[in-house]
Protein backbone atom coordinates (compact mmCIF):
# COMPACT_ATOMS: atom_id res chain seq x y z
CA MET A 1 -24.22 6.66 -17.29
CA ALA A 2 -21.10 8.71 -18.08
CA TYR A 3 -18.64 9.67 -15.38
CA LYS A 4 -16.66 12.90 -15.41
CA GLY A 5 -13.22 12.11 -16.80
CA SER A 6 -14.29 8.62 -17.79
CA ILE A 7 -13.41 6.43 -20.75
CA THR A 8 -14.71 3.11 -21.93
CA ILE A 9 -12.75 -0.12 -21.93
CA LYS A 10 -12.71 0.07 -25.74
CA GLN A 11 -11.15 3.55 -25.62
CA LEU A 12 -8.61 2.37 -23.05
CA HIS A 13 -7.70 -0.61 -25.19
CA ALA A 14 -7.20 1.59 -28.26
CA LYS A 15 -5.00 4.17 -26.52
CA THR A 16 -3.70 2.59 -23.31
CA GLY A 17 -0.38 4.44 -23.15
CA GLU A 18 -1.96 7.81 -23.76
CA GLN A 19 -4.69 7.25 -21.17
CA VAL A 20 -2.29 5.97 -18.52
CA ARG A 21 0.01 8.97 -19.03
CA ARG A 22 -3.02 11.26 -18.83
CA ALA A 23 -4.06 9.71 -15.52
CA GLY A 24 -0.50 9.94 -14.18
CA GLN A 25 -0.27 13.66 -14.91
CA SER A 26 -3.77 14.54 -13.78
CA ARG A 27 -4.99 15.42 -10.32
CA THR A 28 -8.30 13.72 -11.01
CA PRO A 29 -8.75 9.98 -11.47
CA VAL A 30 -9.80 8.59 -14.85
CA SER A 31 -12.76 6.25 -14.53
CA ILE A 32 -12.97 3.18 -16.75
CA THR A 33 -16.47 2.07 -17.65
CA ASP A 34 -17.89 -1.06 -19.24
CA ARG A 35 -21.31 -0.55 -20.80
CA GLY A 36 -21.87 2.46 -18.56
CA LYS A 37 -20.85 0.69 -15.35
CA LEU A 38 -17.76 1.85 -13.44
CA VAL A 39 -15.27 -1.06 -13.40
CA ALA A 40 -11.89 0.53 -12.63
CA VAL A 41 -10.10 3.79 -11.89
CA LEU A 42 -6.72 5.02 -13.13
CA VAL A 43 -5.10 7.36 -10.64
CA ALA A 44 -1.67 8.93 -10.22
CA PRO A 45 0.39 7.25 -7.45
CA HIS A 46 0.86 10.51 -5.55
CA LEU A 47 -2.92 10.71 -5.04
CA LEU A 48 -3.09 7.37 -3.24
CA PRO A 49 -3.08 7.44 0.55
CA VAL A 50 0.15 6.26 2.13
CA LYS A 51 -0.35 2.95 3.88
CA ARG A 52 1.59 2.61 7.07
CA LYS A 53 2.75 -0.81 8.07
CA ARG A 54 1.32 -1.97 11.34
CA ARG A 55 3.91 -3.44 13.63
CA THR A 56 3.15 -6.71 15.31
CA VAL A 57 4.84 -7.80 18.51
CA LEU A 58 4.92 -11.56 18.90
CA ARG A 59 3.66 -13.03 22.14
CA GLU A 60 6.89 -14.95 22.50
CA TYR A 61 8.92 -11.74 22.29
CA THR A 62 6.75 -10.04 24.90
CA ALA A 63 7.16 -13.03 27.21
CA PHE A 64 10.91 -13.01 26.60
CA LEU A 65 11.14 -9.33 27.48
CA ALA A 66 9.15 -9.85 30.66
CA LYS A 67 11.40 -12.73 31.69
CA TYR A 68 14.83 -11.36 30.76
CA ARG A 69 14.53 -7.58 30.83
CA SER A 70 17.16 -5.83 32.89
CA ASN A 71 18.61 -2.37 33.15
CA ASP A 72 21.82 -3.44 31.46
CA ALA A 73 21.89 -3.80 27.66
CA LEU A 74 24.85 -6.21 27.86
CA ASP A 75 22.88 -8.53 30.11
CA ASP A 76 20.02 -8.44 27.61
CA LEU A 77 22.38 -9.30 24.73
CA ASP A 78 23.84 -12.20 26.69
CA ALA A 79 20.34 -13.50 27.36
CA VAL A 80 19.47 -13.35 23.67
CA ARG A 81 22.72 -14.94 22.53
CA GLY A 82 22.56 -17.74 25.02
CA ASP A 83 25.49 -20.19 24.61
CA ARG A 84 26.64 -18.84 21.26
């Protein structure tokens, strides 16, 4: 089974640099097949979706905020610094 814009592992091995540059300049991914089975895809970085980091708030921090939160930033800093 041939895929549009696909190459075999043997072709990739023979001309890796050329194929990687081709994939980097193309708007379509280059499929890599092994005996007709899709095994990998070369794609330009700008085509990959941007992954956003998910922020995690620690339970300890939430508890700290609940305990020490005030309307004054200086009071909050003093609470964080403790005896330093």
